[in-house]
């Protein structure tokens, strides 16, 4: 058995911005907090009418803005009840396991509680 491990070089911010090697347009890269990912062969994504490209998704404020916008398009709000919040989290990052779902909801609840108190 060949035990060679397959790996890809991860482009730097500059390589994303310049669209230079090792950036590959046919791959999808999740960037930052929200792991925002344009479709393959696309350099940008439009969320709630705003365009974000790989380069500006490296900017923390743009990444957070895009993440919040994407979550809102999936039904999230600070007034979201538990069932809706769990469904939004499933839509955003996939169903995952029950343990992952419980942890995601617990983290969401901490954020809500911190903002309410």
PDB file of N, CA and C in Angstrom:
ATOM      1  N   UNK A   1       0.848  -1.177   0.000  1.00  0.00           N
ATOM      2  CA  UNK A   1       0.000   0.000   0.000  1.00  0.00           C
ATOM      3  C   UNK A   1       0.892   1.238   0.000  1.00  0.00           C
ATOM      4  N   UNK A   2       0.543   2.175  -0.834  1.00  0.00           N
ATOM      5  CA  UNK A   2       1.266   3.444  -0.885  1.00  0.00           C
ATOM      6  C   UNK A   2       0.805   4.311   0.281  1.00  0.00           C
ATOM      7  N   UNK A   3       1.721   4.677   1.155  1.00  0.00           N
ATOM      8  CA  UNK A   3       1.364   5.454   2.341  1.00  0.00           C
ATOM      9  C   UNK A   3       1.629   6.940   2.161  1.00  0.00           C
ATOM     10  N   UNK A   4       1.794   7.378   0.923  1.00  0.00           N
ATOM     11  CA  UNK A   4       2.012   8.792   0.670  1.00  0.00           C
ATOM     12  C   UNK A   4       0.739   9.555   0.987  1.00  0.00           C
ATOM     13  N   UNK A   5       0.866  10.597   1.759  1.00  0.00           N
ATOM     14  CA  UNK A   5      -0.297  11.410   2.122  1.00  0.00           C
ATOM     15  C   UNK A   5      -0.480  12.517   1.093  1.00  0.00           C
ATOM     16  N   UNK A   6      -1.727  12.754   0.747  1.00  0.00           N
ATOM     17  CA  UNK A   6      -2.080  13.800  -0.196  1.00  0.00           C
ATOM     18  C   UNK A   6      -2.292  15.099   0.570  1.00  0.00           C
ATOM     19  N   UNK A   7      -1.708  16.165   0.091  1.00  0.00           N
ATOM     20  CA  UNK A   7      -1.953  17.456   0.726  1.00  0.00           C
ATOM     21  C   UNK A   7      -1.830  18.566  -0.303  1.00  0.00           C
ATOM     22  N   UNK A   8      -2.508  19.638  -0.027  1.00  0.00           N
ATOM     23  CA  UNK A   8      -2.463  20.819  -0.884  1.00  0.00           C
ATOM     24  C   UNK A   8      -1.818  21.960  -0.122  1.00  0.00           C
ATOM     25  N   UNK A   9      -1.100  22.796  -0.822  1.00  0.00           N
ATOM     26  CA  UNK A   9      -0.579  24.006  -0.200  1.00  0.00           C
ATOM     27  C   UNK A   9      -1.731  24.990  -0.037  1.00  0.00           C
ATOM     28  N   UNK A  10      -1.803  25.602   1.120  1.00  0.00           N
ATOM     29  CA  UNK A  10      -2.838  26.597   1.357  1.00  0.00           C
ATOM     30  C   UNK A  10      -2.314  27.960   0.938  1.00  0.00           C
ATOM     31  N   UNK A  11      -3.033  28.626   0.054  1.00  0.00           N
ATOM     32  CA  UNK A  11      -2.585  29.957  -0.389  1.00  0.00           C
ATOM     33  C   UNK A  11      -2.575  30.964   0.762  1.00  0.00           C
ATOM     34  N   UNK A  12      -1.694  31.927   0.668  1.00  0.00           N
ATOM     35  CA  UNK A  12      -1.656  33.031   1.619  1.00  0.00           C
ATOM     36  C   UNK A  12      -2.687  34.080   1.200  1.00  0.00           C
ATOM     37  N   UNK A  13      -2.915  35.071   2.050  1.00  0.00           N
ATOM     38  CA  UNK A  13      -3.828  36.160   1.693  1.00  0.00           C
ATOM     39  C   UNK A  13      -3.371  36.815   0.400  1.00  0.00           C
ATOM     40  N   UNK A  14      -2.086  37.088   0.272  1.00  0.00           N
ATOM     41  CA  UNK A  14      -1.559  37.730  -0.941  1.00  0.00           C
ATOM     42  C   UNK A  14      -1.842  36.874  -2.175  1.00  0.00           C
ATOM     43  N   UNK A  15      -1.651  35.563  -2.058  1.00  0.00           N
ATOM     44  CA  UNK A  15      -1.899  34.681  -3.205  1.00  0.00           C
ATOM     45  C   UNK A  15      -3.376  34.638  -3.563  1.00  0.00           C
ATOM     46  N   UNK A  16      -4.258  34.690  -2.556  1.00  0.00           N
ATOM     47  CA  UNK A  16      -5.693  34.789  -2.855  1.00  0.00           C
ATOM     48  C   UNK A  16      -5.979  36.097  -3.577  1.00  0.00           C
ATOM     49  N   UNK A  17      -5.442  37.199  -3.051  1.00  0.00           N
ATOM     50  CA  UNK A  17      -5.719  38.518  -3.627  1.00  0.00           C
ATOM     51  C   UNK A  17      -5.156  38.643  -5.046  1.00  0.00           C
ATOM     52  N   UNK A  18      -3.983  38.049  -5.281  1.00  0.00           N
ATOM     53  CA  UNK A  18      -3.352  38.099  -6.609  1.00  0.00           C
ATOM     54  C   UNK A  18      -3.829  36.985  -7.530  1.00  0.00           C
ATOM     55  N   UNK A  19      -4.585  36.035  -6.965  1.00  0.00           N
ATOM     56  CA  UNK A  19      -5.012  34.837  -7.697  1.00  0.00           C
ATOM     57  C   UNK A  19      -3.807  34.094  -8.269  1.00  0.00           C
ATOM     58  N   UNK A  20      -2.768  33.986  -7.447  1.00  0.00           N
ATOM     59  CA  UNK A  20      -1.542  33.327  -7.906  1.00  0.00           C
ATOM     60  C   UNK A  20      -1.357  31.980  -7.196  1.00  0.00           C
ATOM     61  N   UNK A  21      -0.490  31.147  -7.737  1.00  0.00           N
ATOM     62  CA  UNK A  21      -0.207  29.831  -7.172  1.00  0.00           C
ATOM     63  C   UNK A  21       0.188  29.955  -5.708  1.00  0.00           C
ATOM     64  N   UNK A  22      -0.289  29.071  -4.850  1.00  0.00           N
ATOM     65  CA  UNK A  22      -0.987  27.818  -5.123  1.00  0.00           C
ATOM     66  C   UNK A  22      -2.513  27.930  -5.155  1.00  0.00           C
ATOM     67  N   UNK A  23      -3.076  29.157  -5.236  1.00  0.00           N
ATOM     68  CA  UNK A  23      -4.530  29.324  -5.364  1.00  0.00           C
ATOM     69  C   UNK A  23      -5.010  28.603  -6.622  1.00  0.00           C
ATOM     70  N   UNK A  24      -6.069  27.834  -6.487  1.00  0.00           N
ATOM     71  CA  UNK A  24      -6.663  27.099  -7.610  1.00  0.00           C
ATOM     72  C   UNK A  24      -8.144  27.451  -7.677  1.00  0.00           C
ATOM     73  N   UNK A  25      -8.576  28.006  -8.797  1.00  0.00           N
ATOM     74  CA  UNK A  25      -9.964  28.467  -8.903  1.00  0.00           C
ATOM     75  C   UNK A  25     -10.975  27.330  -8.855  1.00  0.00           C
ATOM     76  N   UNK A  26     -10.559  26.117  -9.169  1.00  0.00           N
ATOM     77  CA  UNK A  26     -11.506  25.004  -9.190  1.00  0.00           C
ATOM     78  C   UNK A  26     -11.731  24.403  -7.796  1.00  0.00           C
ATOM     79  N   UNK A  27     -10.969  24.869  -6.805  1.00  0.00           N
ATOM     80  CA  UNK A  27     -11.158  24.404  -5.437  1.00  0.00           C
ATOM     81  C   UNK A  27     -12.000  25.407  -4.652  1.00  0.00           C
ATOM     82  N   UNK A  28     -12.590  24.948  -3.569  1.00  0.00           N
ATOM     83  CA  UNK A  28     -13.353  25.830  -2.691  1.00  0.00           C
ATOM     84  C   UNK A  28     -12.588  25.946  -1.383  1.00  0.00           C
ATOM     85  N   UNK A  29     -12.377  27.178  -0.928  1.00  0.00           N
ATOM     86  CA  UNK A  29     -11.651  27.444   0.306  1.00  0.00           C
ATOM     87  C   UNK A  29     -12.568  28.160   1.284  1.00  0.00           C
ATOM     88  N   UNK A  30     -12.709  27.631   2.495  1.00  0.00           N
ATOM     89  CA  UNK A  30     -13.462  28.313   3.538  1.00  0.00           C
ATOM     90  C   UNK A  30     -12.537  29.304   4.229  1.00  0.00           C
ATOM     91  N   UNK A  31     -12.955  30.557   4.311  1.00  0.00           N
ATOM     92  CA  UNK A  31     -12.094  31.607   4.862  1.00  0.00           C
ATOM     93  C   UNK A  31     -12.670  32.140   6.169  1.00  0.00           C
ATOM     94  N   UNK A  32     -11.842  32.204   7.198  1.00  0.00           N
ATOM     95  CA  UNK A  32     -12.161  32.903   8.436  1.00  0.00           C
ATOM     96  C   UNK A  32     -13.215  32.265   9.310  1.00  0.00           C
ATOM     97  N   UNK A  33     -13.728  33.090  10.212  1.00  0.00           N
ATOM     98  CA  UNK A  33     -14.680  32.663  11.230  1.00  0.00           C
ATOM     99  C   UNK A  33     -15.854  31.882  10.644  1.00  0.00           C
ATOM    100  N   UNK A  34     -16.474  32.426   9.627  1.00  0.00           N
ATOM    101  CA  UNK A  34     -17.663  31.804   9.055  1.00  0.00           C
ATOM    102  C   UNK A  34     -17.368  30.757   7.996  1.00  0.00           C
ATOM    103  N   UNK A  35     -16.090  30.566   7.681  1.00  0.00           N
ATOM    104  CA  UNK A  35     -15.709  29.626   6.621  1.00  0.00           C
ATOM    105  C   UNK A  35     -16.527  29.874   5.352  1.00  0.00           C
ATOM    106  N   UNK A  36     -16.656  31.159   5.010  1.00  0.00           N
ATOM    107  CA  UNK A  36     -17.402  31.556   3.817  1.00  0.00           C
ATOM    108  C   UNK A  36     -16.697  30.976   2.595  1.00  0.00           C
ATOM    109  N   UNK A  37     -17.469  30.360   1.728  1.00  0.00           N
ATOM    110  CA  UNK A  37     -16.898  29.610   0.618  1.00  0.00           C
ATOM    111  C   UNK A  37     -17.632  29.907  -0.686  1.00  0.00           C
ATOM    112  N   UNK A  38     -17.035  30.705  -1.576  1.00  0.00           N
ATOM    113  CA  UNK A  38     -17.631  30.852  -2.908  1.00  0.00           C
ATOM    114  C   UNK A  38     -17.648  29.503  -3.629  1.00  0.00           C
ATOM    115  N   UNK A  39     -18.525  29.376  -4.590  1.00  0.00           N
ATOM    116  CA  UNK A  39     -18.592  28.138  -5.380  1.00  0.00           C
ATOM    117  C   UNK A  39     -17.289  27.938  -6.148  1.00  0.00           C
ATOM    118  N   UNK A  40     -17.020  26.682  -6.538  1.00  0.00           N
ATOM    119  CA  UNK A  40     -15.849  26.387  -7.358  1.00  0.00           C
ATOM    120  C   UNK A  40     -15.917  27.212  -8.640  1.00  0.00           C
ATOM    121  N   UNK A  41     -14.776  27.663  -9.102  1.00  0.00           N
ATOM    122  CA  UNK A  41     -14.627  28.508 -10.292  1.00  0.00           C
ATOM    123  C   UNK A  41     -15.153  29.930 -10.078  1.00  0.00           C
ATOM    124  N   UNK A  42     -15.560  30.250  -8.853  1.00  0.00           N
ATOM    125  CA  UNK A  42     -16.016  31.601  -8.526  1.00  0.00           C
ATOM    126  C   UNK A  42     -15.029  32.221  -7.546  1.00  0.00           C
ATOM    127  N   UNK A  43     -14.793  33.505  -7.662  1.00  0.00           N
ATOM    128  CA  UNK A  43     -13.873  34.202  -6.776  1.00  0.00           C
ATOM    129  C   UNK A  43     -14.626  34.991  -5.710  1.00  0.00           C
ATOM    130  N   UNK A  44     -15.920  35.175  -5.925  1.00  0.00           N
ATOM    131  CA  UNK A  44     -16.710  35.945  -4.968  1.00  0.00           C
ATOM    132  C   UNK A  44     -18.041  35.275  -4.724  1.00  0.00           C
ATOM    133  N   UNK A  45     -18.671  35.725  -3.645  1.00  0.00           N
ATOM    134  CA  UNK A  45     -19.985  35.219  -3.273  1.00  0.00           C
ATOM    135  C   UNK A  45     -20.859  36.428  -2.934  1.00  0.00           C
ATOM    136  N   UNK A  46     -22.125  36.369  -3.300  1.00  0.00           N
ATOM    137  CA  UNK A  46     -23.065  37.436  -2.965  1.00  0.00           C
ATOM    138  C   UNK A  46     -23.985  36.929  -1.863  1.00  0.00           C
ATOM    139  N   UNK A  47     -24.026  37.682  -0.768  1.00  0.00           N
ATOM    140  CA  UNK A  47     -24.877  37.329   0.370  1.00  0.00           C
ATOM    141  C   UNK A  47     -25.708  38.561   0.706  1.00  0.00           C
ATOM    142  N   UNK A  48     -27.023  38.398   0.664  1.00  0.00           N
ATOM    143  CA  UNK A  48     -27.955  39.493   0.978  1.00  0.00           C
ATOM    144  C   UNK A  48     -27.621  40.749   0.180  1.00  0.00           C
ATOM    145  N   UNK A  49     -27.269  40.584  -1.090  1.00  0.00           N
ATOM    146  CA  UNK A  49     -27.006  41.713  -1.980  1.00  0.00           C
ATOM    147  C   UNK A  49     -25.603  42.290  -1.904  1.00  0.00           C
ATOM    148  N   UNK A  50     -24.769  41.808  -0.993  1.00  0.00           N
ATOM    149  CA  UNK A  50     -23.393  42.302  -0.875  1.00  0.00           C
ATOM    150  C   UNK A  50     -22.414  41.271  -1.415  1.00  0.00           C
ATOM    151  N   UNK A  51     -21.432  41.760  -2.163  1.00  0.00           N
ATOM    152  CA  UNK A  51     -20.418  40.862  -2.731  1.00  0.00           C
ATOM    153  C   UNK A  51     -19.197  40.801  -1.829  1.00  0.00           C
ATOM    154  N   UNK A  52     -18.707  39.578  -1.631  1.00  0.00           N
ATOM    155  CA  UNK A  52     -17.497  39.332  -0.853  1.00  0.00           C
ATOM    156  C   UNK A  52     -16.589  38.457  -1.707  1.00  0.00           C
ATOM    157  N   UNK A  53     -15.309  38.826  -1.783  1.00  0.00           N
ATOM    158  CA  UNK A  53     -14.379  37.971  -2.513  1.00  0.00           C
ATOM    159  C   UNK A  53     -13.372  37.371  -1.547  1.00  0.00           C
ATOM    160  N   UNK A  54     -12.605  36.411  -2.046  1.00  0.00           N
ATOM    161  CA  UNK A  54     -11.630  35.754  -1.177  1.00  0.00           C
ATOM    162  C   UNK A  54     -10.715  36.768  -0.502  1.00  0.00           C
ATOM    163  N   UNK A  55     -10.305  37.788  -1.225  1.00  0.00           N
ATOM    164  CA  UNK A  55      -9.362  38.757  -0.677  1.00  0.00           C
ATOM    165  C   UNK A  55      -9.964  39.517   0.507  1.00  0.00           C
ATOM    166  N   UNK A  56     -11.179  40.068   0.353  1.00  0.00           N
ATOM    167  CA  UNK A  56     -11.709  40.846   1.479  1.00  0.00           C
ATOM    168  C   UNK A  56     -12.293  39.979   2.589  1.00  0.00           C
ATOM    169  N   UNK A  57     -12.477  38.682   2.354  1.00  0.00           N
ATOM    170  CA  UNK A  57     -12.913  37.804   3.438  1.00  0.00           C
ATOM    171  C   UNK A  57     -11.808  37.579   4.466  1.00  0.00           C
ATOM    172  N   UNK A  58     -10.571  37.960   4.127  1.00  0.00           N
ATOM    173  CA  UNK A  58      -9.477  37.896   5.094  1.00  0.00           C
ATOM    174  C   UNK A  58      -9.552  39.060   6.088  1.00  0.00           C
ATOM    175  N   UNK A  59     -10.332  40.077   5.775  1.00  0.00           N
ATOM    176  CA  UNK A  59     -10.515  41.207   6.692  1.00  0.00           C
ATOM    177  C   UNK A  59     -11.565  40.788   7.724  1.00  0.00           C
ATOM    178  N   UNK A  60     -11.198  40.846   9.007  1.00  0.00           N
ATOM    179  CA  UNK A  60     -12.076  40.348  10.074  1.00  0.00           C
ATOM    180  C   UNK A  60     -13.474  40.971  10.016  1.00  0.00           C
ATOM    181  N   UNK A  61     -13.559  42.286   9.821  1.00  0.00           N
ATOM    182  CA  UNK A  61     -14.879  42.927   9.825  1.00  0.00           C
ATOM    183  C   UNK A  61     -15.739  42.460   8.655  1.00  0.00           C
ATOM    184  N   UNK A  62     -15.135  42.275   7.488  1.00  0.00           N
ATOM    185  CA  UNK A  62     -15.887  41.792   6.317  1.00  0.00           C
ATOM    186  C   UNK A  62     -16.316  40.339   6.517  1.00  0.00           C
ATOM    187  N   UNK A  63     -15.437  39.521   7.122  1.00  0.00           N
ATOM    188  CA  UNK A  63     -15.760  38.122   7.338  1.00  0.00           C
ATOM    189  C   UNK A  63     -16.910  37.991   8.327  1.00  0.00           C
ATOM    190  N   UNK A  64     -16.870  38.771   9.396  1.00  0.00           N
ATOM    191  CA  UNK A  64     -17.954  38.742  10.380  1.00  0.00           C
ATOM    192  C   UNK A  64     -19.255  39.239   9.754  1.00  0.00           C
ATOM    193  N   UNK A  65     -19.169  40.316   8.978  1.00  0.00           N
ATOM    194  CA  UNK A  65     -20.354  40.847   8.285  1.00  0.00           C
ATOM    195  C   UNK A  65     -20.957  39.774   7.373  1.00  0.00           C
ATOM    196  N   UNK A  66     -20.119  39.092   6.606  1.00  0.00           N
ATOM    197  CA  UNK A  66     -20.593  38.053   5.684  1.00  0.00           C
ATOM    198  C   UNK A  66     -21.191  36.871   6.449  1.00  0.00           C
ATOM    199  N   UNK A  67     -20.556  36.498   7.550  1.00  0.00           N
ATOM    200  CA  UNK A  67     -21.046  35.376   8.355  1.00  0.00           C
ATOM    201  C   UNK A  67     -22.423  35.699   8.938  1.00  0.00           C
ATOM    202  N   UNK A  68     -22.574  36.896   9.488  1.00  0.00           N
ATOM    203  CA  UNK A  68     -23.862  37.300  10.052  1.00  0.00           C
ATOM    204  C   UNK A  68     -24.925  37.350   8.952  1.00  0.00           C
ATOM    205  N   UNK A  69     -24.577  37.920   7.807  1.00  0.00           N
ATOM    206  CA  UNK A  69     -25.529  37.999   6.692  1.00  0.00           C
ATOM    207  C   UNK A  69     -25.965  36.605   6.246  1.00  0.00           C
ATOM    208  N   UNK A  70     -25.004  35.687   6.162  1.00  0.00           N
ATOM    209  CA  UNK A  70     -25.329  34.328   5.727  1.00  0.00           C
ATOM    210  C   UNK A  70     -26.241  33.638   6.746  1.00  0.00           C
ATOM    211  N   UNK A  71     -25.942  33.795   8.029  1.00  0.00           N
ATOM    212  CA  UNK A  71     -26.789  33.197   9.057  1.00  0.00           C
ATOM    213  C   UNK A  71     -28.201  33.790   9.027  1.00  0.00           C
ATOM    214  N   UNK A  72     -28.292  35.099   8.799  1.00  0.00           N
ATOM    215  CA  UNK A  72     -29.614  35.731   8.709  1.00  0.00           C
ATOM    216  C   UNK A  72     -30.406  35.187   7.530  1.00  0.00           C
ATOM    217  N   UNK A  73     -29.741  34.929   6.391  1.00  0.00           N
ATOM    218  CA  UNK A  73     -30.460  34.375   5.236  1.00  0.00           C
ATOM    219  C   UNK A  73     -30.998  32.986   5.536  1.00  0.00           C
ATOM    220  N   UNK A  74     -30.424  32.338   6.539  1.00  0.00           N
ATOM    221  CA  UNK A  74     -30.876  31.002   6.923  1.00  0.00           C
ATOM    222  C   UNK A  74     -31.848  31.042   8.099  1.00  0.00           C
ATOM    223  N   UNK A  75     -32.232  32.258   8.524  1.00  0.00           N
ATOM    224  CA  UNK A  75     -33.275  32.407   9.536  1.00  0.00           C
ATOM    225  C   UNK A  75     -32.812  32.774  10.928  1.00  0.00           C
ATOM    226  N   UNK A  76     -31.544  33.056  11.117  1.00  0.00           N
ATOM    227  CA  UNK A  76     -31.031  33.358  12.457  1.00  0.00           C
ATOM    228  C   UNK A  76     -31.375  34.776  12.893  1.00  0.00           C
ATOM    229  N   UNK A  77     -31.580  34.931  14.203  1.00  0.00           N
ATOM    230  CA  UNK A  77     -31.723  36.244  14.828  1.00  0.00           C
ATOM    231  C   UNK A  77     -31.438  36.071  16.313  1.00  0.00           C
ATOM    232  N   UNK A  78     -31.275  37.163  17.022  1.00  0.00           N
ATOM    233  CA  UNK A  78     -31.031  37.086  18.462  1.00  0.00           C
ATOM    234  C   UNK A  78     -32.268  36.581  19.204  1.00  0.00           C
ATOM    235  N   UNK A  79     -33.440  36.633  18.571  1.00  0.00           N
ATOM    236  CA  UNK A  79     -34.680  36.179  19.188  1.00  0.00           C
ATOM    237  C   UNK A  79     -35.052  34.765  18.775  1.00  0.00           C
ATOM    238  N   UNK A  80     -34.124  34.065  18.147  1.00  0.00           N
ATOM    239  CA  UNK A  80     -34.385  32.721  17.657  1.00  0.00           C
ATOM    240  C   UNK A  80     -34.554  31.750  18.823  1.00  0.00           C
ATOM    241  N   UNK A  81     -35.632  30.987  18.793  1.00  0.00           N
ATOM    242  CA  UNK A  81     -35.842  29.955  19.812  1.00  0.00           C
ATOM    243  C   UNK A  81     -34.941  28.752  19.558  1.00  0.00           C
ATOM    244  N   UNK A  82     -34.923  27.834  20.499  1.00  0.00           N
ATOM    245  CA  UNK A  82     -33.987  26.704  20.418  1.00  0.00           C
ATOM    246  C   UNK A  82     -34.171  25.858  19.167  1.00  0.00           C
ATOM    247  N   UNK A  83     -35.397  25.497  18.826  1.00  0.00           N
ATOM    248  CA  UNK A  83     -35.617  24.642  17.659  1.00  0.00           C
ATOM    249  C   UNK A  83     -35.154  25.333  16.385  1.00  0.00           C
ATOM    250  N   UNK A  84     -35.530  26.598  16.220  1.00  0.00           N
ATOM    251  CA  UNK A  84     -35.114  27.352  15.034  1.00  0.00           C
ATOM    252  C   UNK A  84     -33.599  27.510  15.003  1.00  0.00           C
ATOM    253  N   UNK A  85     -32.998  27.832  16.150  1.00  0.00           N
ATOM    254  CA  UNK A  85     -31.542  28.003  16.208  1.00  0.00           C
ATOM    255  C   UNK A  85     -30.834  26.725  15.795  1.00  0.00           C
ATOM    256  N   UNK A  86     -31.287  25.595  16.284  1.00  0.00           N
ATOM    257  CA  UNK A  86     -30.674  24.311  15.917  1.00  0.00           C
ATOM    258  C   UNK A  86     -30.821  24.052  14.418  1.00  0.00           C
ATOM    259  N   UNK A  87     -31.977  24.377  13.856  1.00  0.00           N
ATOM    260  CA  UNK A  87     -32.180  24.180  12.418  1.00  0.00           C
ATOM    261  C   UNK A  87     -31.274  25.092  11.590  1.00  0.00           C
ATOM    262  N   UNK A  88     -31.120  26.341  12.021  1.00  0.00           N
ATOM    263  CA  UNK A  88     -30.224  27.275  11.324  1.00  0.00           C
ATOM    264  C   UNK A  88     -28.798  26.741  11.360  1.00  0.00           C
ATOM    265  N   UNK A  89     -28.354  26.294  12.527  1.00  0.00           N
ATOM    266  CA  UNK A  89     -26.991  25.774  12.649  1.00  0.00           C
ATOM    267  C   UNK A  89     -26.794  24.538  11.764  1.00  0.00           C
ATOM    268  N   UNK A  90     -27.811  23.707  11.641  1.00  0.00           N
ATOM    269  CA  UNK A  90     -27.717  22.536  10.761  1.00  0.00           C
ATOM    270  C   UNK A  90     -27.582  22.977   9.307  1.00  0.00           C
ATOM    271  N   UNK A  91     -28.378  23.962   8.898  1.00  0.00           N
ATOM    272  CA  UNK A  91     -28.323  24.450   7.515  1.00  0.00           C
ATOM    273  C   UNK A  91     -26.982  25.083   7.210  1.00  0.00           C
ATOM    274  N   UNK A  92     -26.401  25.734   8.219  1.00  0.00           N
ATOM    275  CA  UNK A  92     -25.153  26.464   7.993  1.00  0.00           C
ATOM    276  C   UNK A  92     -23.956  25.545   7.865  1.00  0.00           C
ATOM    277  N   UNK A  93     -23.838  24.578   8.760  1.00  0.00           N
ATOM    278  CA  UNK A  93     -22.632  23.760   8.746  1.00  0.00           C
ATOM    279  C   UNK A  93     -22.921  22.278   8.584  1.00  0.00           C
ATOM    280  N   UNK A  94     -24.085  21.924   8.169  1.00  0.00           N
ATOM    281  CA  UNK A  94     -24.399  20.511   8.016  1.00  0.00           C
ATOM    282  C   UNK A  94     -24.884  19.932   9.337  1.00  0.00           C
ATOM    283  N   UNK A  95     -25.590  18.849   9.255  1.00  0.00           N
ATOM    284  CA  UNK A  95     -26.208  18.263  10.443  1.00  0.00           C
ATOM    285  C   UNK A  95     -25.176  17.823  11.478  1.00  0.00           C
ATOM    286  N   UNK A  96     -24.103  17.176  11.046  1.00  0.00           N
ATOM    287  CA  UNK A  96     -23.106  16.711  12.001  1.00  0.00           C
ATOM    288  C   UNK A  96     -23.677  15.661  12.933  1.00  0.00           C
ATOM    289  N   UNK A  97     -23.028  15.480  14.059  1.00  0.00           N
ATOM    290  CA  UNK A  97     -23.489  14.511  15.047  1.00  0.00           C
ATOM    291  C   UNK A  97     -24.325  15.221  16.097  1.00  0.00           C
ATOM    292  N   UNK A  98     -25.010  14.433  16.923  1.00  0.00           N
ATOM    293  CA  UNK A  98     -25.809  15.026  17.999  1.00  0.00           C
ATOM    294  C   UNK A  98     -24.921  15.822  18.945  1.00  0.00           C
ATOM    295  N   UNK A  99     -23.731  15.299  19.230  1.00  0.00           N
ATOM    296  CA  UNK A  99     -22.802  16.013  20.119  1.00  0.00           C
ATOM    297  C   UNK A  99     -22.388  17.355  19.519  1.00  0.00           C
ATOM    298  N   UNK A 100     -22.117  17.386  18.204  1.00  0.00           N
ATOM    299  CA  UNK A 100     -21.757  18.642  17.538  1.00  0.00           C
ATOM    300  C   UNK A 100     -22.924  19.618  17.587  1.00  0.00           C
ATOM    301  N   UNK A 101     -24.121  19.120  17.324  1.00  0.00           N
ATOM    302  CA  UNK A 101     -25.301  19.988  17.351  1.00  0.00           C
ATOM    303  C   UNK A 101     -25.486  20.582  18.747  1.00  0.00           C
ATOM    304  N   UNK A 102     -25.333  19.765  19.770  1.00  0.00           N
ATOM    305  CA  UNK A 102     -25.494  20.256  21.143  1.00  0.00           C
ATOM    306  C   UNK A 102     -24.437  21.304  21.480  1.00  0.00           C
ATOM    307  N   UNK A 103     -23.202  21.087  21.042  1.00  0.00           N
ATOM    308  CA  UNK A 103     -22.131  22.049  21.316  1.00  0.00           C
ATOM    309  C   UNK A 103     -22.380  23.348  20.560  1.00  0.00           C
ATOM    310  N   UNK A 104     -22.801  23.249  19.302  1.00  0.00           N
ATOM    311  CA  UNK A 104     -23.084  24.454  18.513  1.00  0.00           C
ATOM    312  C   UNK A 104     -24.181  25.280  19.181  1.00  0.00           C
ATOM    313  N   UNK A 105     -25.235  24.594  19.638  1.00  0.00           N
ATOM    314  CA  UNK A 105     -26.321  25.326  20.277  1.00  0.00           C
ATOM    315  C   UNK A 105     -25.858  25.939  21.602  1.00  0.00           C
ATOM    316  N   UNK A 106     -25.077  25.202  22.367  1.00  0.00           N
ATOM    317  CA  UNK A 106     -24.569  25.719  23.648  1.00  0.00           C
ATOM    318  C   UNK A 106     -23.730  26.979  23.414  1.00  0.00           C
ATOM    319  N   UNK A 107     -22.900  26.973  22.378  1.00  0.00           N
ATOM    320  CA  UNK A 107     -22.081  28.147  22.053  1.00  0.00           C
ATOM    321  C   UNK A 107     -22.958  29.322  21.631  1.00  0.00           C
ATOM    322  N   UNK A 108     -23.971  29.045  20.799  1.00  0.00           N
ATOM    323  CA  UNK A 108     -24.911  30.084  20.369  1.00  0.00           C
ATOM    324  C   UNK A 108     -25.610  30.681  21.596  1.00  0.00           C
ATOM    325  N   UNK A 109     -26.077  29.823  22.506  1.00  0.00           N
ATOM    326  CA  UNK A 109     -26.803  30.278  23.696  1.00  0.00           C
ATOM    327  C   UNK A 109     -25.919  31.159  24.575  1.00  0.00           C
ATOM    328  N   UNK A 110     -24.645  30.831  24.696  1.00  0.00           N
ATOM    329  CA  UNK A 110     -23.714  31.657  25.475  1.00  0.00           C
ATOM    330  C   UNK A 110     -23.635  33.062  24.883  1.00  0.00           C
ATOM    331  N   UNK A 111     -23.574  33.135  23.560  1.00  0.00           N
ATOM    332  CA  UNK A 111     -23.511  34.442  22.898  1.00  0.00           C
ATOM    333  C   UNK A 111     -24.786  35.244  23.148  1.00  0.00           C
ATOM    334  N   UNK A 112     -25.923  34.601  23.009  1.00  0.00           N
ATOM    335  CA  UNK A 112     -27.192  35.281  23.238  1.00  0.00           C
ATOM    336  C   UNK A 112     -27.282  35.753  24.686  1.00  0.00           C
ATOM    337  N   UNK A 113     -26.967  34.874  25.627  1.00  0.00           N
ATOM    338  CA  UNK A 113     -27.038  35.230  27.049  1.00  0.00           C
ATOM    339  C   UNK A 113     -26.085  36.376  27.384  1.00  0.00           C
ATOM    340  N   UNK A 114     -24.913  36.378  26.788  1.00  0.00           N
ATOM    341  CA  UNK A 114     -23.932  37.449  27.043  1.00  0.00           C
ATOM    342  C   UNK A 114     -24.449  38.786  26.524  1.00  0.00           C
ATOM    343  N   UNK A 115     -25.223  38.765  25.468  1.00  0.00           N
ATOM    344  CA  UNK A 115     -25.743  40.006  24.882  1.00  0.00           C
ATOM    345  C   UNK A 115     -27.022  40.479  25.557  1.00  0.00           C
ATOM    346  N   UNK A 116     -27.726  39.577  26.226  1.00  0.00           N
ATOM    347  CA  UNK A 116     -28.972  39.930  26.884  1.00  0.00           C
ATOM    348  C   UNK A 116     -28.702  40.470  28.277  1.00  0.00           C
ATOM    349  N   UNK A 117     -27.724  39.905  28.956  1.00  0.00           N
ATOM    350  CA  UNK A 117     -27.437  40.279  30.351  1.00  0.00           C
ATOM    351  C   UNK A 117     -26.591  41.509  30.460  1.00  0.00           C
TER     352      UNK A 117
END
